[in-house]
Amino acid sequence: MASGFLCICPVKSVELGDDGAFHKAEHTAELHAMLEFEHECVASDRYAYRPGGGVRVLNPSTSMTLGETDTCIAVFKG
């Protein structure tokens, strides 16, 4: 099976907080659930996330690298 990656970017929204002010909605739990999914076709626990989204490597090969910094995520192949 070919290797690749999945990029997930949750909906950006605001919500009314308990303090009566609007705040950026928090989607960390949903993002982790989507990236940690288990499926027979996906043989990898390699993923990274940032507040704006995340990346999961699918069926990784030795030529794939998942790189990340404090603000960026990248998947390199080759």
PDB file of N, CA and C in Angstrom:
ATOM      1  N   MET A   1       0.843  -1.178   0.000  1.00  0.00           N
ATOM      2  CA  MET A   1       0.000   0.000   0.000  1.00  0.00           C
ATOM      3  C   MET A   1       0.887   1.240   0.000  1.00  0.00           C
ATOM      4  N   ALA A   2       0.492   2.240  -0.735  1.00  0.00           N
ATOM      5  CA  ALA A   2       1.271   3.474  -0.862  1.00  0.00           C
ATOM      6  C   ALA A   2       1.238   4.261   0.439  1.00  0.00           C
ATOM      7  N   SER A   3       2.321   4.976   0.691  1.00  0.00           N
ATOM      8  CA  SER A   3       2.367   5.833   1.865  1.00  0.00           C
ATOM      9  C   SER A   3       1.861   7.220   1.493  1.00  0.00           C
ATOM     10  N   GLY A   4       1.476   7.968   2.488  1.00  0.00           N
ATOM     11  CA  GLY A   4       0.963   9.312   2.265  1.00  0.00           C
ATOM     12  C   GLY A   4       0.695   9.984   3.593  1.00  0.00           C
ATOM     13  N   PHE A   5      -0.124  11.008   3.566  1.00  0.00           N
ATOM     14  CA  PHE A   5      -0.461  11.685   4.803  1.00  0.00           C
ATOM     15  C   PHE A   5      -1.876  12.233   4.741  1.00  0.00           C
ATOM     16  N   LEU A   6      -2.422  12.511   5.907  1.00  0.00           N
ATOM     17  CA  LEU A   6      -3.753  13.058   6.065  1.00  0.00           C
ATOM     18  C   LEU A   6      -3.608  14.360   6.835  1.00  0.00           C
ATOM     19  N   CYS A   7      -4.175  15.430   6.320  1.00  0.00           N
ATOM     20  CA  CYS A   7      -4.137  16.734   6.976  1.00  0.00           C
ATOM     21  C   CYS A   7      -5.551  17.089   7.414  1.00  0.00           C
ATOM     22  N   ILE A   8      -5.716  17.428   8.679  1.00  0.00           N
ATOM     23  CA  ILE A   8      -7.030  17.778   9.208  1.00  0.00           C
ATOM     24  C   ILE A   8      -6.979  19.186   9.781  1.00  0.00           C
ATOM     25  N   CYS A   9      -7.870  20.041   9.317  1.00  0.00           N
ATOM     26  CA  CYS A   9      -7.982  21.415   9.803  1.00  0.00           C
ATOM     27  C   CYS A   9      -9.400  21.625  10.317  1.00  0.00           C
ATOM     28  N   PRO A  10      -9.581  21.670  11.640  1.00  0.00           N
ATOM     29  CA  PRO A  10     -10.924  21.856  12.193  1.00  0.00           C
ATOM     30  C   PRO A  10     -11.523  23.202  11.794  1.00  0.00           C
ATOM     31  N   VAL A  11     -12.834  23.276  11.879  1.00  0.00           N
ATOM     32  CA  VAL A  11     -13.546  24.520  11.598  1.00  0.00           C
ATOM     33  C   VAL A  11     -13.085  25.588  12.587  1.00  0.00           C
ATOM     34  N   LYS A  12     -12.814  26.761  12.082  1.00  0.00           N
ATOM     35  CA  LYS A  12     -12.428  27.882  12.943  1.00  0.00           C
ATOM     36  C   LYS A  12     -13.705  28.630  13.308  1.00  0.00           C
ATOM     37  N   SER A  13     -13.962  28.743  14.598  1.00  0.00           N
ATOM     38  CA  SER A  13     -15.192  29.390  15.039  1.00  0.00           C
ATOM     39  C   SER A  13     -14.971  30.074  16.379  1.00  0.00           C
ATOM     40  N   VAL A  14     -15.944  30.862  16.778  1.00  0.00           N
ATOM     41  CA  VAL A  14     -15.910  31.502  18.094  1.00  0.00           C
ATOM     42  C   VAL A  14     -17.119  31.034  18.878  1.00  0.00           C
ATOM     43  N   GLU A  15     -17.001  31.116  20.192  1.00  0.00           N
ATOM     44  CA  GLU A  15     -18.116  30.739  21.044  1.00  0.00           C
ATOM     45  C   GLU A  15     -18.198  31.712  22.210  1.00  0.00           C
ATOM     46  N   LEU A  16     -19.375  31.829  22.769  1.00  0.00           N
ATOM     47  CA  LEU A  16     -19.597  32.715  23.893  1.00  0.00           C
ATOM     48  C   LEU A  16     -19.151  32.002  25.160  1.00  0.00           C
ATOM     49  N   GLY A  17     -18.197  32.594  25.862  1.00  0.00           N
ATOM     50  CA  GLY A  17     -17.670  31.993  27.082  1.00  0.00           C
ATOM     51  C   GLY A  17     -18.507  32.303  28.302  1.00  0.00           C
ATOM     52  N   ASP A  18     -18.165  31.672  29.419  1.00  0.00           N
ATOM     53  CA  ASP A  18     -18.872  31.898  30.678  1.00  0.00           C
ATOM     54  C   ASP A  18     -18.743  33.339  31.154  1.00  0.00           C
ATOM     55  N   ASP A  19     -17.686  34.018  30.688  1.00  0.00           N
ATOM     56  CA  ASP A  19     -17.468  35.408  31.085  1.00  0.00           C
ATOM     57  C   ASP A  19     -18.258  36.398  30.235  1.00  0.00           C
ATOM     58  N   GLY A  20     -19.084  35.889  29.296  1.00  0.00           N
ATOM     59  CA  GLY A  20     -19.890  36.751  28.444  1.00  0.00           C
ATOM     60  C   GLY A  20     -19.157  37.312  27.249  1.00  0.00           C
ATOM     61  N   ALA A  21     -17.908  36.908  27.044  1.00  0.00           N
ATOM     62  CA  ALA A  21     -17.110  37.380  25.908  1.00  0.00           C
ATOM     63  C   ALA A  21     -16.927  36.247  24.903  1.00  0.00           C
ATOM     64  N   PHE A  22     -16.668  36.620  23.660  1.00  0.00           N
ATOM     65  CA  PHE A  22     -16.423  35.629  22.623  1.00  0.00           C
ATOM     66  C   PHE A  22     -14.969  35.171  22.661  1.00  0.00           C
ATOM     67  N   HIS A  23     -14.743  33.874  22.459  1.00  0.00           N
ATOM     68  CA  HIS A  23     -13.417  33.272  22.462  1.00  0.00           C
ATOM     69  C   HIS A  23     -13.314  32.307  21.281  1.00  0.00           C
ATOM     70  N   LYS A  24     -12.086  32.065  20.843  1.00  0.00           N
ATOM     71  CA  LYS A  24     -11.878  31.064  19.798  1.00  0.00           C
ATOM     72  C   LYS A  24     -12.278  29.698  20.344  1.00  0.00           C
ATOM     73  N   ALA A  25     -13.081  28.976  19.583  1.00  0.00           N
ATOM     74  CA  ALA A  25     -13.545  27.655  20.024  1.00  0.00           C
ATOM     75  C   ALA A  25     -12.361  26.688  20.106  1.00  0.00           C
ATOM     76  N   GLU A  26     -12.374  25.840  21.098  1.00  0.00           N
ATOM     77  CA  GLU A  26     -11.310  24.861  21.334  1.00  0.00           C
ATOM     78  C   GLU A  26     -11.713  23.527  20.730  1.00  0.00           C
ATOM     79  N   HIS A  27     -10.893  23.014  19.816  1.00  0.00           N
ATOM     80  CA  HIS A  27     -11.191  21.747  19.145  1.00  0.00           C
ATOM     81  C   HIS A  27     -10.089  20.710  19.363  1.00  0.00           C
ATOM     82  N   THR A  28      -9.280  20.870  20.396  1.00  0.00           N
ATOM     83  CA  THR A  28      -8.150  19.966  20.616  1.00  0.00           C
ATOM     84  C   THR A  28      -8.591  18.516  20.781  1.00  0.00           C
ATOM     85  N   ALA A  29      -9.628  18.258  21.559  1.00  0.00           N
ATOM     86  CA  ALA A  29     -10.080  16.882  21.787  1.00  0.00           C
ATOM     87  C   ALA A  29     -10.549  16.229  20.491  1.00  0.00           C
ATOM     88  N   GLU A  30     -11.324  16.968  19.691  1.00  0.00           N
ATOM     89  CA  GLU A  30     -11.801  16.422  18.427  1.00  0.00           C
ATOM     90  C   GLU A  30     -10.649  16.163  17.468  1.00  0.00           C
ATOM     91  N   LEU A  31      -9.680  17.073  17.447  1.00  0.00           N
ATOM     92  CA  LEU A  31      -8.521  16.922  16.568  1.00  0.00           C
ATOM     93  C   LEU A  31      -7.723  15.677  16.936  1.00  0.00           C
ATOM     94  N   HIS A  32      -7.468  15.469  18.218  1.00  0.00           N
ATOM     95  CA  HIS A  32      -6.755  14.264  18.657  1.00  0.00           C
ATOM     96  C   HIS A  32      -7.531  13.004  18.279  1.00  0.00           C
ATOM     97  N   ALA A  33      -8.841  13.022  18.472  1.00  0.00           N
ATOM     98  CA  ALA A  33      -9.655  11.841  18.139  1.00  0.00           C
ATOM     99  C   ALA A  33      -9.553  11.516  16.651  1.00  0.00           C
ATOM    100  N   MET A  34      -9.568  12.533  15.804  1.00  0.00           N
ATOM    101  CA  MET A  34      -9.472  12.292  14.366  1.00  0.00           C
ATOM    102  C   MET A  34      -8.086  11.779  13.974  1.00  0.00           C
ATOM    103  N   LEU A  35      -7.031  12.291  14.615  1.00  0.00           N
ATOM    104  CA  LEU A  35      -5.671  11.887  14.272  1.00  0.00           C
ATOM    105  C   LEU A  35      -5.277  10.544  14.866  1.00  0.00           C
ATOM    106  N   GLU A  36      -5.897  10.150  15.976  1.00  0.00           N
ATOM    107  CA  GLU A  36      -5.550   8.896  16.645  1.00  0.00           C
ATOM    108  C   GLU A  36      -6.399   7.723  16.177  1.00  0.00           C
ATOM    109  N   PHE A  37      -7.222   7.909  15.142  1.00  0.00           N
ATOM    110  CA  PHE A  37      -8.113   6.842  14.693  1.00  0.00           C
ATOM    111  C   PHE A  37      -7.328   5.567  14.384  1.00  0.00           C
ATOM    112  N   GLU A  38      -7.991   4.452  14.549  1.00  0.00           N
ATOM    113  CA  GLU A  38      -7.406   3.148  14.241  1.00  0.00           C
ATOM    114  C   GLU A  38      -8.138   2.572  13.038  1.00  0.00           C
ATOM    115  N   HIS A  39      -7.400   2.060  12.094  1.00  0.00           N
ATOM    116  CA  HIS A  39      -8.003   1.437  10.916  1.00  0.00           C
ATOM    117  C   HIS A  39      -7.019   0.411  10.389  1.00  0.00           C
ATOM    118  N   GLU A  40      -7.517  -0.675   9.867  1.00  0.00           N
ATOM    119  CA  GLU A  40      -6.646  -1.746   9.389  1.00  0.00           C
ATOM    120  C   GLU A  40      -5.728  -1.297   8.255  1.00  0.00           C
ATOM    121  N   CYS A  41      -6.100  -0.257   7.531  1.00  0.00           N
ATOM    122  CA  CYS A  41      -5.283   0.224   6.414  1.00  0.00           C
ATOM    123  C   CYS A  41      -4.231   1.233   6.850  1.00  0.00           C
ATOM    124  N   VAL A  42      -4.270   1.652   8.102  1.00  0.00           N
ATOM    125  CA  VAL A  42      -3.345   2.681   8.579  1.00  0.00           C
ATOM    126  C   VAL A  42      -2.397   2.057   9.593  1.00  0.00           C
ATOM    127  N   ALA A  43      -1.130   1.967   9.220  1.00  0.00           N
ATOM    128  CA  ALA A  43      -0.132   1.345  10.090  1.00  0.00           C
ATOM    129  C   ALA A  43       0.830   2.406  10.602  1.00  0.00           C
ATOM    130  N   SER A  44       0.328   3.345  11.385  1.00  0.00           N
ATOM    131  CA  SER A  44       1.199   4.398  11.887  1.00  0.00           C
ATOM    132  C   SER A  44       0.610   5.046  13.124  1.00  0.00           C
ATOM    133  N   ASP A  45       1.480   5.378  14.071  1.00  0.00           N
ATOM    134  CA  ASP A  45       1.058   6.198  15.199  1.00  0.00           C
ATOM    135  C   ASP A  45       1.763   7.548  15.117  1.00  0.00           C
ATOM    136  N   ARG A  46       2.295   7.863  13.936  1.00  0.00           N
ATOM    137  CA  ARG A  46       3.046   9.098  13.740  1.00  0.00           C
ATOM    138  C   ARG A  46       2.114  10.226  13.321  1.00  0.00           C
ATOM    139  N   TYR A  47       1.900  11.157  14.236  1.00  0.00           N
ATOM    140  CA  TYR A  47       1.118  12.331  13.901  1.00  0.00           C
ATOM    141  C   TYR A  47       1.598  13.513  14.715  1.00  0.00           C
ATOM    142  N   ALA A  48       1.239  14.699  14.260  1.00  0.00           N
ATOM    143  CA  ALA A  48       1.588  15.932  14.949  1.00  0.00           C
ATOM    144  C   ALA A  48       0.414  16.883  14.811  1.00  0.00           C
ATOM    145  N   TYR A  49       0.261  17.780  15.775  1.00  0.00           N
ATOM    146  CA  TYR A  49      -0.830  18.735  15.691  1.00  0.00           C
ATOM    147  C   TYR A  49      -0.384  20.090  16.231  1.00  0.00           C
ATOM    148  N   ARG A  50      -1.082  21.085  15.793  1.00  0.00           N
ATOM    149  CA  ARG A  50      -0.956  22.449  16.280  1.00  0.00           C
ATOM    150  C   ARG A  50      -2.379  22.938  16.495  1.00  0.00           C
ATOM    151  N   PRO A  51      -2.594  24.054  17.174  1.00  0.00           N
ATOM    152  CA  PRO A  51      -3.965  24.506  17.421  1.00  0.00           C
ATOM    153  C   PRO A  51      -4.827  24.634  16.155  1.00  0.00           C
ATOM    154  N   GLY A  52      -4.231  24.895  15.000  1.00  0.00           N
ATOM    155  CA  GLY A  52      -5.000  25.064  13.779  1.00  0.00           C
ATOM    156  C   GLY A  52      -5.245  23.800  12.981  1.00  0.00           C
ATOM    157  N   GLY A  53      -4.653  22.675  13.362  1.00  0.00           N
ATOM    158  CA  GLY A  53      -4.851  21.439  12.611  1.00  0.00           C
ATOM    159  C   GLY A  53      -3.768  20.425  12.895  1.00  0.00           C
ATOM    160  N   GLY A  54      -3.800  19.323  12.156  1.00  0.00           N
ATOM    161  CA  GLY A  54      -2.834  18.275  12.384  1.00  0.00           C
ATOM    162  C   GLY A  54      -2.580  17.441  11.146  1.00  0.00           C
ATOM    163  N   VAL A  55      -1.537  16.614  11.225  1.00  0.00           N
ATOM    164  CA  VAL A  55      -1.122  15.752  10.121  1.00  0.00           C
ATOM    165  C   VAL A  55      -0.855  14.358  10.676  1.00  0.00           C
ATOM    166  N   ARG A  56      -1.303  13.323   9.952  1.00  0.00           N
ATOM    167  CA  ARG A  56      -0.984  11.941  10.306  1.00  0.00           C
ATOM    168  C   ARG A  56      -0.357  11.267   9.100  1.00  0.00           C
ATOM    169  N   VAL A  57       0.757  10.579   9.327  1.00  0.00           N
ATOM    170  CA  VAL A  57       1.426   9.825   8.263  1.00  0.00           C
ATOM    171  C   VAL A  57       0.696   8.498   8.104  1.00  0.00           C
ATOM    172  N   LEU A  58       0.363   8.156   6.866  1.00  0.00           N
ATOM    173  CA  LEU A  58      -0.351   6.913   6.569  1.00  0.00           C
ATOM    174  C   LEU A  58       0.597   5.932   5.899  1.00  0.00           C
ATOM    175  N   ASN A  59       0.678   4.723   6.441  1.00  0.00           N
ATOM    176  CA  ASN A  59       1.527   3.678   5.885  1.00  0.00           C
ATOM    177  C   ASN A  59       2.930   4.204   5.574  1.00  0.00           C
ATOM    178  N   PRO A  60       3.645   4.650   6.605  1.00  0.00           N
ATOM    179  CA  PRO A  60       4.935   5.294   6.384  1.00  0.00           C
ATOM    180  C   PRO A  60       5.963   4.359   5.757  1.00  0.00           C
ATOM    181  N   SER A  61       6.844   4.951   4.986  1.00  0.00           N
ATOM    182  CA  SER A  61       7.966   4.215   4.413  1.00  0.00           C
ATOM    183  C   SER A  61       9.242   4.845   4.961  1.00  0.00           C
ATOM    184  N   THR A  62      10.363   4.234   4.675  1.00  0.00           N
ATOM    185  CA  THR A  62      11.630   4.775   5.161  1.00  0.00           C
ATOM    186  C   THR A  62      11.969   6.100   4.497  1.00  0.00           C
ATOM    187  N   SER A  63      11.296   6.421   3.379  1.00  0.00           N
ATOM    188  CA  SER A  63      11.581   7.685   2.705  1.00  0.00           C
ATOM    189  C   SER A  63      10.695   8.833   3.197  1.00  0.00           C
ATOM    190  N   MET A  64       9.811   8.574   4.184  1.00  0.00           N
ATOM    191  CA  MET A  64       8.933   9.626   4.701  1.00  0.00           C
ATOM    192  C   MET A  64       9.428  10.125   6.044  1.00  0.00           C
ATOM    193  N   THR A  65       9.363  11.441   6.218  1.00  0.00           N
ATOM    194  CA  THR A  65       9.763  12.065   7.467  1.00  0.00           C
ATOM    195  C   THR A  65       8.675  13.044   7.898  1.00  0.00           C
ATOM    196  N   LEU A  66       8.304  12.992   9.160  1.00  0.00           N
ATOM    197  CA  LEU A  66       7.372  13.948   9.735  1.00  0.00           C
ATOM    198  C   LEU A  66       8.204  14.936  10.528  1.00  0.00           C
ATOM    199  N   GLY A  67       8.205  16.181  10.105  1.00  0.00           N
ATOM    200  CA  GLY A  67       8.983  17.217  10.778  1.00  0.00           C
ATOM    201  C   GLY A  67       8.071  18.253  11.392  1.00  0.00           C
ATOM    202  N   GLU A  68       8.491  18.814  12.522  1.00  0.00           N
ATOM    203  CA  GLU A  68       7.683  19.838  13.162  1.00  0.00           C
ATOM    204  C   GLU A  68       8.543  20.823  13.938  1.00  0.00           C
ATOM    205  N   THR A  69       8.043  22.041  14.007  1.00  0.00           N
ATOM    206  CA  THR A  69       8.647  23.089  14.840  1.00  0.00           C
ATOM    207  C   THR A  69       7.554  23.587  15.771  1.00  0.00           C
ATOM    208  N   ASP A  70       7.806  24.683  16.453  1.00  0.00           N
ATOM    209  CA  ASP A  70       6.785  25.235  17.349  1.00  0.00           C
ATOM    210  C   ASP A  70       5.544  25.724  16.615  1.00  0.00           C
ATOM    211  N   THR A  71       5.699  26.079  15.337  1.00  0.00           N
ATOM    212  CA  THR A  71       4.586  26.672  14.602  1.00  0.00           C
ATOM    213  C   THR A  71       4.208  25.938  13.311  1.00  0.00           C
ATOM    214  N   CYS A  72       5.009  24.977  12.877  1.00  0.00           N
ATOM    215  CA  CYS A  72       4.774  24.328  11.573  1.00  0.00           C
ATOM    216  C   CYS A  72       4.884  22.812  11.662  1.00  0.00           C
ATOM    217  N   ILE A  73       4.172  22.148  10.745  1.00  0.00           N
ATOM    218  CA  ILE A  73       4.249  20.709  10.572  1.00  0.00           C
ATOM    219  C   ILE A  73       4.466  20.435   9.089  1.00  0.00           C
ATOM    220  N   ALA A  74       5.336  19.489   8.769  1.00  0.00           N
ATOM    221  CA  ALA A  74       5.572  19.138   7.357  1.00  0.00           C
ATOM    222  C   ALA A  74       5.835  17.648   7.247  1.00  0.00           C
ATOM    223  N   VAL A  75       5.395  17.065   6.134  1.00  0.00           N
ATOM    224  CA  VAL A  75       5.685  15.675   5.803  1.00  0.00           C
ATOM    225  C   VAL A  75       6.528  15.699   4.544  1.00  0.00           C
ATOM    226  N   PHE A  76       7.697  15.072   4.615  1.00  0.00           N
ATOM    227  CA  PHE A  76       8.605  15.012   3.475  1.00  0.00           C
ATOM    228  C   PHE A  76       8.695  13.569   2.994  1.00  0.00           C
ATOM    229  N   LYS A  77       8.714  13.410   1.694  1.00  0.00           N
ATOM    230  CA  LYS A  77       8.884  12.093   1.112  1.00  0.00           C
ATOM    231  C   LYS A  77       9.986  12.174   0.066  1.00  0.00           C
ATOM    232  N   GLY A  78      10.959  11.299   0.199  1.00  0.00           N
ATOM    233  CA  GLY A  78      12.036  11.284  -0.784  1.00  0.00           C
ATOM    234  C   GLY A  78      13.392  11.442  -0.171  1.00  0.00           C
TER     235      GLY A  78
END
